[in-house]
Protein backbone atom coordinates (compact mmCIF):
# COMPACT_ATOMS: atom_id res chain seq x y z
CA MET A 1 -5.13 -18.65 6.99
CA PHE A 2 -4.34 -20.69 10.10
CA ILE A 3 -4.16 -18.77 13.38
CA ASP A 4 -2.39 -20.33 16.37
CA THR A 5 -5.09 -19.86 19.01
CA GLU A 6 -2.75 -20.21 21.99
CA ARG A 7 -0.30 -17.68 20.58
CA GLY A 8 -3.22 -15.44 19.67
CA TYR A 9 -4.66 -15.56 23.17
CA ARG A 10 -1.27 -14.75 24.71
CA ALA A 11 -1.06 -11.68 22.46
CA VAL A 12 -4.55 -10.64 23.59
CA ALA A 13 -3.76 -11.20 27.28
CA SER A 14 -0.66 -8.99 26.98
CA ARG A 15 -2.52 -6.42 24.82
CA ASP A 16 0.39 -6.56 22.39
CA PRO A 17 -0.19 -3.90 19.68
CA ARG A 18 2.28 -5.59 17.33
CA PHE A 19 -0.47 -8.06 16.44
CA ASP A 20 -3.10 -5.43 15.61
CA GLY A 21 -4.28 -6.04 12.07
CA GLN A 22 -2.73 -9.49 11.87
CA PHE A 23 -5.81 -11.23 13.24
CA ILE A 24 -9.18 -10.43 14.82
CA LEU A 25 -10.40 -11.45 18.29
CA ALA A 26 -14.13 -12.20 18.58
CA VAL A 27 -15.93 -12.59 21.92
CA ARG A 28 -18.90 -14.95 21.89
CA THR A 29 -20.54 -13.55 25.04
CA THR A 30 -20.70 -9.98 23.73
CA GLY A 31 -20.94 -10.56 19.98
CA ILE A 32 -18.12 -8.07 19.43
CA TYR A 33 -14.82 -8.35 17.57
CA CYS A 34 -11.72 -6.41 18.61
CA ARG A 35 -8.09 -5.77 17.81
CA PRO A 36 -5.67 -7.85 19.97
CA SER A 37 -4.61 -4.79 22.00
CA CYS A 38 -8.15 -3.74 22.95
CA PRO A 39 -8.01 -2.14 26.45
CA ALA A 40 -11.21 -3.89 27.58
CA THR A 41 -11.04 -6.66 30.18
CA THR A 42 -9.48 -9.78 28.67
CA PRO A 43 -12.25 -12.32 28.00
CA LYS A 44 -11.97 -15.90 29.16
CA ARG A 45 -10.23 -18.27 26.79
CA ARG A 46 -13.34 -20.41 26.28
CA ASN A 47 -15.33 -17.36 25.10
CA VAL A 48 -13.10 -16.24 22.26
CA GLU A 49 -12.36 -17.24 18.71
CA PHE A 50 -9.99 -15.81 16.13
CA TYR A 51 -10.46 -14.70 12.53
CA ALA A 52 -8.04 -13.74 9.80
CA THR A 53 -10.02 -10.67 8.75
CA ALA A 54 -12.70 -8.32 10.03
CA ALA A 55 -14.86 -9.48 7.13
CA ALA A 56 -14.77 -13.06 8.42
CA ALA A 57 -15.82 -11.89 11.89
CA GLN A 58 -18.66 -9.86 10.38
CA ALA A 59 -19.79 -12.83 8.32
CA ALA A 60 -19.95 -14.86 11.55
CA GLY A 61 -22.33 -12.30 13.05
CA TYR A 62 -19.94 -10.19 15.14
CA ARG A 63 -19.90 -6.37 15.17
CA ALA A 64 -16.92 -4.06 15.56
CA CYS A 65 -15.83 -2.82 18.97
CA ARG A 66 -16.48 0.92 19.25
CA ARG A 67 -13.76 1.28 21.86
CA CYS A 68 -10.73 -0.09 20.02
CA LEU A 69 -11.96 0.40 16.40
CA PRO A 70 -10.42 -2.81 15.01
CA ASP A 71 -10.86 -1.69 11.40
CA ALA A 72 -8.61 1.36 11.93
CA VAL A 73 -5.37 -0.57 12.53
CA PRO A 74 -2.57 -1.19 10.00
CA GLY A 75 -3.39 -3.98 7.56
CA SER A 76 -1.89 -7.43 7.80
CA PRO A 77 1.70 -7.72 6.53
CA GLU A 78 0.63 -11.13 5.24
CA TRP A 79 -0.70 -9.58 2.02
CA ASN A 80 2.76 -8.47 0.93
CA LEU A 81 4.59 -11.50 2.30
CA ARG A 82 2.22 -13.84 0.51
CA ALA A 83 2.29 -13.94 -3.28
CA ASP A 84 -0.49 -16.53 -3.48
CA LEU A 85 -4.07 -16.03 -4.63
CA ALA A 86 -5.32 -14.78 -1.26
CA GLY A 87 -2.57 -12.18 -0.90
CA ARG A 88 -3.01 -10.92 -4.46
CA ALA A 89 -6.80 -10.77 -4.05
CA MET A 90 -6.58 -8.80 -0.81
CA ARG A 91 -4.38 -6.16 -2.41
CA LEU A 92 -6.86 -5.75 -5.26
CA ILE A 93 -9.90 -5.67 -2.96
CA SER A 94 -8.30 -2.97 -0.81
CA ASP A 95 -7.76 -0.98 -4.01
CA GLY A 96 -11.53 -1.08 -4.64
CA ILE A 97 -11.60 -3.45 -7.61
CA VAL A 98 -14.83 -5.17 -6.46
CA GLU A 99 -16.67 -1.85 -6.13
CA ARG A 100 -15.58 -0.82 -9.63
CA GLU A 101 -15.67 -4.09 -11.58
CA GLY A 102 -17.41 -6.60 -9.32
CA VAL A 103 -16.21 -10.11 -8.54
CA PRO A 104 -15.87 -10.86 -12.30
CA GLY A 105 -13.32 -8.03 -12.56
CA LEU A 106 -11.40 -9.36 -9.57
CA ALA A 107 -11.35 -12.87 -11.01
CA THR A 108 -10.17 -11.58 -14.40
CA ARG A 109 -7.25 -9.71 -12.83
CA LEU A 110 -6.28 -12.81 -10.86
CA GLY A 111 -6.60 -15.11 -13.86
CA TYR A 112 -9.10 -17.54 -12.31
CA SER A 113 -12.83 -18.20 -12.49
CA GLU A 114 -15.23 -16.39 -10.13
CA ARG A 115 -16.14 -19.69 -8.52
CA HIS A 116 -12.52 -20.64 -7.83
CA VAL A 117 -11.67 -17.20 -6.38
CA THR A 118 -14.73 -17.27 -4.11
CA ARG A 119 -13.99 -20.81 -2.95
CA MET A 120 -10.32 -20.10 -2.24
CA LEU A 121 -10.93 -16.84 -0.34
CA THR A 122 -13.70 -18.38 1.73
CA ALA A 123 -11.47 -21.31 2.64
CA GLU A 124 -8.37 -19.17 3.33
CA LEU A 125 -9.89 -16.09 4.94
CA GLY A 126 -13.35 -17.14 6.06
CA ALA A 127 -15.11 -14.59 3.84
CA SER A 128 -16.15 -14.26 0.21
CA PRO A 129 -14.90 -11.46 -2.08
CA LEU A 130 -18.20 -9.63 -1.59
CA ALA A 131 -17.91 -9.86 2.21
CA LEU A 132 -14.31 -8.62 2.10
CA ALA A 133 -15.35 -5.72 -0.13
CA ARG A 134 -18.25 -4.92 2.22
CA ALA A 135 -15.83 -4.65 5.14
CA HIS A 136 -13.64 -2.35 3.04
CA ARG A 137 -16.63 -0.12 2.25
CA ALA A 138 -17.61 0.02 5.92
CA HIS A 139 -14.10 1.12 6.89
CA SER A 140 -14.07 3.85 4.22
CA ALA A 141 -17.50 5.05 5.36
CA ARG A 142 -16.44 5.24 9.01
CA LEU A 143 -13.40 7.32 8.06
CA LEU A 144 -15.63 9.83 6.29
CA ILE A 145 -18.28 9.86 9.01
CA GLU A 146 -15.77 10.58 11.75
CA THR A 147 -13.32 12.88 9.97
CA THR A 148 -15.55 15.07 7.77
CA THR A 149 -18.86 16.91 7.86
CA LEU A 150 -19.97 15.43 4.54
CA SER A 151 -23.65 14.51 4.34
CA PHE A 152 -24.41 10.83 4.85
CA ALA A 153 -25.65 10.61 1.27
CA ASP A 154 -22.25 11.84 0.06
CA VAL A 155 -20.48 9.47 2.45
CA ALA A 156 -22.47 6.51 1.12
CA PHE A 157 -21.69 7.46 -2.47
CA ALA A 158 -17.99 8.02 -1.76
CA ALA A 159 -17.58 4.72 0.11
CA GLY A 160 -19.05 2.73 -2.77
CA PHE A 161 -22.52 1.83 -1.47
CA ALA A 162 -25.28 1.32 -4.00
CA SER A 163 -27.94 3.06 -1.89
CA ILE A 164 -28.49 4.96 1.36
CA ARG A 165 -30.44 2.00 2.70
CA GLN A 166 -27.51 -0.37 2.06
CA PHE A 167 -25.18 2.14 3.71
CA ASN A 168 -27.36 2.45 6.82
CA ASP A 169 -27.87 -1.30 7.12
CA THR A 170 -24.14 -2.03 6.79
CA ILE A 171 -23.09 0.60 9.34
CA ARG A 172 -25.61 -0.71 11.87
CA ALA A 173 -24.58 -4.32 11.27
CA VAL A 174 -20.84 -3.69 11.46
CA PHE A 175 -20.63 -1.04 14.19
CA ALA A 176 -23.89 -1.58 16.12
CA ALA A 177 -24.62 2.12 15.70
CA THR A 178 -26.27 4.43 13.23
CA PRO A 179 -24.16 6.84 11.15
CA THR A 180 -25.46 9.69 13.32
CA GLN A 181 -24.33 7.94 16.50
CA LEU A 182 -20.86 7.36 15.05
CA ARG A 183 -20.53 11.01 14.12
CA ILE A 184 -21.78 12.29 17.47
CA GLY A 185 -19.71 9.77 19.41
CA THR A 186 -16.34 10.58 17.86
CA LYS A 187 -14.01 12.59 20.05
CA ARG A 188 -11.69 13.64 17.25
CA HIS A 189 -11.86 17.15 15.88
CA ARG A 190 -13.63 17.29 12.54
CA PRO A 191 -12.55 20.20 10.35
CA LEU A 192 -15.21 21.73 8.17
CA ALA A 193 -15.44 19.79 4.95
CA THR A 194 -14.49 21.47 1.72
CA ALA A 195 -15.26 20.03 -1.68
CA GLY A 196 -13.33 16.78 -1.99
CA LYS A 197 -10.99 17.39 0.97
CA VAL A 198 -10.41 14.80 3.69
CA ASN A 199 -7.94 14.84 6.61
CA LEU A 200 -6.86 11.43 7.88
CA ARG A 201 -4.49 9.84 10.40
CA LEU A 202 -2.91 6.72 8.88
CA ALA A 203 -1.79 4.14 11.44
CA PHE A 204 1.39 2.07 11.32
CA ARG A 205 3.27 -0.42 13.49
CA GLN A 206 6.12 1.14 15.42
CA PRO A 207 8.96 1.72 14.99
CA TYR A 208 8.59 3.62 11.72
CA ASP A 209 11.38 5.27 9.74
CA GLY A 210 9.25 7.99 8.18
CA THR A 211 12.27 10.20 7.55
CA GLY A 212 13.87 7.50 5.44
CA ILE A 213 10.77 7.10 3.26
CA VAL A 214 10.54 10.85 2.68
CA ASP A 215 14.27 11.09 1.89
CA PHE A 216 14.01 8.26 -0.65
CA LEU A 217 11.06 9.91 -2.39
CA LYS A 218 12.64 13.37 -2.19
CA ALA A 219 15.71 12.23 -4.12
CA ARG A 220 13.44 11.02 -6.93
CA ALA A 221 10.70 13.69 -6.81
CA VAL A 222 9.42 14.83 -10.20
CA ALA A 223 8.72 18.56 -10.41
CA GLY A 224 5.01 19.35 -10.67
CA VAL A 225 4.06 15.73 -9.89
CA GLU A 226 5.68 15.57 -6.44
CA ASP A 227 6.87 17.95 -3.74
CA VAL A 228 8.90 17.38 -0.58
CA ASN A 229 8.84 20.12 2.02
CA GLY A 230 8.86 18.69 5.52
CA GLY A 231 6.69 15.83 4.29
CA TYR A 232 5.80 14.36 0.92
CA ALA A 233 3.11 15.36 -1.55
CA ARG A 234 2.09 14.15 -4.98
CA THR A 235 -0.64 14.10 -7.59
CA LEU A 236 -2.73 10.98 -8.07
CA ARG A 237 -4.43 9.47 -11.10
CA LEU A 238 -7.30 7.41 -9.66
CA PRO A 239 -10.04 5.17 -11.10
CA HIS A 240 -12.75 7.87 -11.10
CA GLY A 241 -10.73 11.07 -11.27
CA THR A 242 -7.64 12.81 -9.97
CA GLY A 243 -6.35 13.93 -6.59
CA THR A 244 -3.49 15.24 -4.51
CA ALA A 245 -2.08 13.90 -1.26
CA TRP A 246 0.04 15.61 1.39
CA MET A 247 1.73 13.20 3.82
CA TYR A 248 3.49 14.17 7.06
CA PRO A 249 4.94 11.36 9.24
CA ALA A 250 4.35 11.87 12.98
CA PRO A 251 5.60 9.75 15.91
CA ASP A 252 2.56 7.45 15.99
CA HIS A 253 0.78 8.03 12.67
CA VAL A 254 1.02 9.74 9.28
CA ASP A 255 -1.06 12.89 8.81
CA CYS A 256 -2.66 12.81 5.38
CA THR A 257 -4.66 15.47 3.56
CA LEU A 258 -6.41 14.26 0.43
CA ARG A 259 -8.09 16.41 -2.20
CA LEU A 260 -10.13 14.32 -4.63
CA SER A 261 -12.10 15.27 -7.71
CA ASP A 262 -14.37 12.27 -7.05
CA MET A 263 -14.90 11.05 -3.48
CA ARG A 264 -15.51 7.50 -4.69
CA ASP A 265 -11.71 7.29 -4.98
CA LEU A 266 -11.14 7.68 -1.23
CA GLY A 267 -10.61 3.97 -0.48
CA SER A 268 -8.30 3.46 -3.45
CA ALA A 269 -6.28 6.58 -2.63
CA VAL A 270 -5.78 5.54 1.01
CA SER A 271 -4.82 2.00 0.01
CA ARG A 272 -2.25 3.25 -2.51
CA LEU A 273 -0.73 5.74 -0.10
CA ARG A 274 -0.45 3.08 2.59
CA ARG A 275 1.48 0.93 0.11
CA LEU A 276 3.67 3.87 -0.93
CA PHE A 277 4.69 4.48 2.69
CA ASP A 278 4.78 0.74 3.54
CA LEU A 279 2.50 1.32 6.52
CA ASP A 280 1.37 -2.31 6.92
CA ALA A 281 4.83 -3.81 7.43
CA ASP A 282 5.83 -5.72 10.57
CA PRO A 283 9.03 -3.86 11.59
CA CYS A 284 9.70 -5.99 14.67
CA ALA A 285 9.90 -9.18 12.61
CA VAL A 286 12.13 -7.49 10.03
CA ASP A 287 14.50 -5.90 12.55
CA GLU A 288 14.75 -9.03 14.69
CA LEU A 289 15.96 -11.16 11.80
CA LEU A 290 18.27 -8.62 10.12
CA ALA A 291 19.92 -7.68 13.44
CA LYS A 292 21.23 -11.25 13.67
CA ASP A 293 23.72 -10.36 10.93
CA ALA A 294 26.76 -8.74 12.53
CA ALA A 295 27.28 -6.37 9.59
CA LEU A 296 23.67 -5.18 9.52
CA GLU A 297 23.09 -5.02 13.28
CA PRO A 298 24.52 -1.48 13.79
CA TRP A 299 22.38 -0.18 10.93
CA VAL A 300 19.23 -1.85 12.26
CA LEU A 301 19.87 -0.28 15.67
CA LYS A 302 20.55 3.10 14.04
CA THR A 303 17.46 2.97 11.82
CA PRO A 304 14.76 0.80 13.44
CA GLY A 305 11.60 0.30 11.44
CA ILE A 306 13.14 0.87 8.02
CA ARG A 307 10.59 0.68 5.21
CA VAL A 308 10.56 -0.18 1.50
CA PRO A 309 8.82 2.52 -0.57
CA GLY A 310 5.91 1.19 -2.61
CA SER A 311 3.93 2.86 -5.37
CA VAL A 312 0.62 4.48 -6.21
CA ASP A 313 0.66 3.38 -9.85
CA GLY A 314 2.22 0.28 -11.40
CA PRO A 315 2.86 1.56 -14.93
CA GLU A 316 4.49 4.70 -13.52
CA ILE A 317 7.07 2.63 -11.63
CA VAL A 318 7.87 0.58 -14.73
CA LEU A 319 8.49 3.70 -16.78
CA ARG A 320 10.45 5.46 -14.04
CA ALA A 321 12.67 2.38 -13.70
CA LEU A 322 13.27 2.21 -17.44
CA ILE A 323 14.11 5.89 -17.75
CA GLY A 324 16.36 5.73 -14.68
CA GLN A 325 18.40 2.74 -15.83
CA GLN A 326 22.19 3.23 -16.08
CA ILE A 327 22.06 6.91 -15.07
CA THR A 328 22.30 8.63 -11.69
CA VAL A 329 19.26 9.29 -9.53
CA ALA A 330 19.70 13.04 -10.09
CA SER A 331 19.87 12.60 -13.88
CA ALA A 332 16.78 10.41 -13.84
CA ARG A 333 14.92 13.02 -11.81
CA THR A 334 15.83 15.71 -14.35
CA ALA A 335 14.75 13.53 -17.29
CA LEU A 336 11.45 12.58 -15.63
CA SER A 337 10.69 16.19 -14.69
CA ARG A 338 11.26 17.25 -18.30
CA LEU A 339 9.03 14.40 -19.51
CA ALA A 340 6.25 15.32 -17.05
CA ASP A 341 6.39 18.99 -18.03
CA ALA A 342 6.08 18.12 -21.71
CA LEU A 343 3.61 15.21 -21.64
CA GLY A 344 1.90 15.28 -18.23
CA GLU A 345 -1.74 16.28 -17.95
CA ARG A 346 -2.31 19.49 -16.01
CA LEU A 347 -4.65 19.43 -13.00
CA GLN A 348 -7.79 21.50 -13.45
CA ALA A 349 -7.32 22.75 -9.89
CA PRO A 350 -3.59 22.86 -8.99
CA ASP A 351 -2.78 22.28 -5.32
CA GLY A 352 0.15 24.56 -4.54
CA THR A 353 3.22 23.20 -6.29
CA LEU A 354 1.32 20.10 -7.43
CA THR A 355 0.20 20.91 -10.95
CA THR A 356 0.75 17.87 -13.16
CA LEU A 357 -0.11 14.18 -13.41
CA PHE A 358 2.63 11.72 -14.33
CA PRO A 359 2.47 11.10 -18.11
CA THR A 360 0.32 8.22 -19.27
CA PRO A 361 1.87 5.27 -21.12
CA GLU A 362 -0.20 6.36 -24.15
CA ALA A 363 1.41 9.80 -24.17
CA ILE A 364 4.93 8.40 -23.78
CA ALA A 365 4.40 5.82 -26.53
CA GLU A 366 3.15 8.48 -28.93
CA HIS A 367 5.35 11.46 -28.11
CA GLY A 368 8.21 10.12 -25.99
CA ALA A 369 10.72 10.27 -28.84
CA GLU A 370 10.24 14.05 -28.97
CA VAL A 371 11.24 14.51 -25.32
CA LEU A 372 13.45 11.61 -24.23
CA THR A 373 17.19 11.82 -24.76
CA GLY A 374 19.86 9.14 -24.97
CA PRO A 375 20.57 6.16 -27.22
CA ARG A 376 17.87 5.42 -29.81
CA THR A 377 17.63 1.78 -28.68
CA ARG A 378 16.81 2.92 -25.13
CA ILE A 379 14.16 5.38 -26.29
CA ASP A 380 12.60 2.72 -28.53
CA ALA A 381 12.52 0.27 -25.61
CA ILE A 382 10.71 2.82 -23.40
CA ARG A 383 8.16 3.55 -26.15
CA THR A 384 7.62 -0.16 -26.84
CA VAL A 385 6.92 -0.94 -23.19
CA SER A 386 4.68 2.13 -22.94
CA ALA A 387 2.68 0.95 -25.95
CA ALA A 388 2.31 -2.53 -24.44
CA ILE A 389 0.97 -1.05 -21.19
CA ALA A 390 -1.36 1.28 -23.10
CA SER A 391 -2.79 -1.60 -25.13
CA GLY A 392 -3.22 -3.88 -22.11
CA THR A 393 -0.69 -6.42 -23.38
CA LEU A 394 1.36 -5.68 -20.27
CA ASP A 395 -0.81 -5.19 -17.18
CA VAL A 396 1.13 -4.09 -14.09
CA HIS A 397 -1.07 -4.00 -10.99
CA VAL A 398 -0.93 -4.91 -7.30
CA GLY A 399 -2.65 -8.25 -7.85
CA ALA A 400 -0.25 -9.53 -10.51
CA ASP A 401 1.39 -12.92 -10.08
CA PRO A 402 5.10 -12.23 -9.38
CA ASP A 403 6.45 -15.00 -11.61
CA GLU A 404 4.15 -14.11 -14.50
CA LEU A 405 4.99 -10.42 -14.16
CA THR A 406 8.71 -11.22 -14.25
CA MET A 407 8.29 -13.26 -17.41
CA GLN A 408 6.15 -10.60 -19.10
CA LEU A 409 8.53 -7.77 -18.23
CA GLU A 410 11.72 -9.55 -19.24
CA MET A 411 10.29 -10.40 -22.66
CA PHE A 412 10.90 -6.77 -23.60
CA ARG A 413 14.28 -5.65 -24.83
CA GLY A 414 15.83 -3.34 -22.26
CA ILE A 415 14.26 -5.01 -19.22
CA GLY A 416 16.42 -7.35 -17.19
CA PRO A 417 16.42 -8.80 -13.67
CA TRP A 418 17.17 -5.46 -11.99
CA THR A 419 14.17 -3.71 -13.54
CA SER A 420 11.74 -6.58 -13.03
CA GLY A 421 12.92 -7.02 -9.43
CA TYR A 422 12.59 -3.30 -8.72
CA VAL A 423 9.05 -3.28 -10.13
CA LYS A 424 8.01 -6.27 -8.01
CA MET A 425 9.54 -4.75 -4.90
CA ARG A 426 7.73 -1.43 -5.29
CA VAL A 427 4.47 -2.35 -7.06
CA LEU A 428 3.72 -5.70 -5.41
CA GLY A 429 5.37 -4.84 -2.10
CA ALA A 430 7.49 -7.99 -2.44
CA PRO A 431 9.56 -8.15 0.79
CA ASP A 432 12.23 -10.58 -0.39
CA ILE A 433 13.81 -8.92 -3.43
CA LEU A 434 17.55 -8.17 -3.31
CA LEU A 435 18.78 -6.22 -6.34
CA ARG A 436 22.27 -7.72 -6.32
CA GLY A 437 23.15 -6.08 -9.63
CA ASP A 438 22.50 -2.58 -8.27
CA VAL A 439 25.79 -0.64 -8.11
CA ALA A 440 24.89 1.45 -5.05
CA LEU A 441 23.63 -1.60 -3.19
CA ARG A 442 26.83 -3.52 -3.90
CA LYS A 443 28.93 -0.54 -2.78
CA GLY A 444 26.96 -0.42 0.45
CA ALA A 445 27.59 -4.12 1.01
CA GLU A 446 31.33 -3.69 0.39
CA LYS A 447 31.48 -0.81 2.87
CA LEU A 448 29.92 -3.08 5.48
CA GLY A 449 32.53 -5.75 4.77
CA ILE A 450 30.16 -8.09 2.91
CA THR A 451 32.12 -9.66 0.07
CA ASP A 452 29.84 -12.49 -1.06
CA LEU A 453 26.44 -10.82 -1.18
CA ALA A 454 24.60 -13.77 -2.72
CA ALA A 455 25.71 -16.19 0.00
CA ARG A 456 25.33 -13.71 2.86
CA SER A 457 21.82 -12.70 1.83
CA VAL A 458 20.38 -16.22 2.16
CA ALA A 459 20.02 -15.68 5.90
CA TRP A 460 18.09 -12.43 5.35
CA ALA A 461 15.06 -14.14 3.77
CA PRO A 462 12.19 -13.34 3.71
CA TRP A 463 13.16 -9.68 4.32
CA ARG A 464 15.85 -9.10 1.71
CA SER A 465 14.08 -6.01 0.31
CA TYR A 466 14.51 -4.36 3.71
CA ALA A 467 18.14 -5.47 3.91
CA GLY A 468 18.67 -3.82 0.54
CA MET A 469 17.33 -0.54 1.93
CA HIS A 470 19.94 -0.72 4.70
CA LEU A 471 22.68 -1.35 2.11
CA TRP A 472 21.51 1.60 0.01
CA ARG A 473 21.51 3.74 3.14
CA ALA A 474 25.03 2.55 4.04
CA ASP A 475 26.34 3.62 0.64
CA LEU A 476 24.79 7.09 0.96
CA ARG A 477 25.95 7.70 4.52
CA THR A 478 29.50 6.50 3.99
CA SER A 479 30.12 8.11 0.61
């Protein structure tokens, strides 16, 4: 990924936090890499170089700054904006695919050979899949070291390291400190650890419309699976076990409490929750472009930093979209709550009102006809898609190719452009999807005086998903 060095240095000189996470600054004279807004004295231009990722800086021999913690910033919005191999790979790596399935598993999900994936990522991002995964493990380990009292052996295991020695070596190489020094040096309060519980502060780029995200999820919350009471909470089905998450947006971060049955799922859980709350978006770029439209400008000013809700599970979004087609949001919520109560797996250790996991595609394919109501053709379509997901014929994940996913989804009876677009917007984080066939969205456009939505929306690219959120909001607030 090309980085304009002059533009990058200007961002560093002004300590502009909007660029945190979008690139890494490395200082040759100190051997340290930093976020662009690091408060340290600005180094001379001839002594710096820029990298696309922390992993690339680490591979070049630099260690992380302990003052600005460059690995703790929001991720690059590039990975949602880009639908190419690098963007898809980064979403999968952040979900922990390399730790679970190795580079062969990553390559299989992407549909390329290991050699091609390694070559492309090294050329684009300056680091191999293993180096990118190593940086991800180091970040997860630092979170646990500084926010819990877990033993270092448990931290190493939870972060995905193969051994204590590998854990110690990586921490020293990346942070120029031992795990003990990191724990002693942190100034943040560390609550006493309980089994599988972690408290985190998730960063985002300001402004952030946290209220809007919570309101969107509240309207669609499934009883037992989700809860909305001041914040947002839900159950999680994760690669190694289950969990619950409680999320409370604050002015400069999101407070998150995770309870996990297996701590190896920490990195995946955090990555999925960040996507759900769209924490890696670049709100300034979105707002600047959309505010140029006279009809949208008042709404952008009223709701700066609007976000597009993502997902924690691809198949769940597909099934929720199918069940919610052609009925109201309230009716869909009722139907999904009934389905979850009948077919959802109960948590062994309920967390307050969170008692149930969203039903698996296998359960819906086998028993959905006993619970779902409506036309037989619609029920059959839901069961057919569920069976395809259960068998692996349809694989909906964050690293899917958008065009291939569209083709695969629309092969099924009952899935059209609205459903496939909605799935891409929420599962892949696609920023440029406008669901023009959505009734509420079209009503919102009409209320703003937009008569030709297709023509008007051309100027909103590549942020049409965010424009759609404003139109949905306009319909709700003017109804």
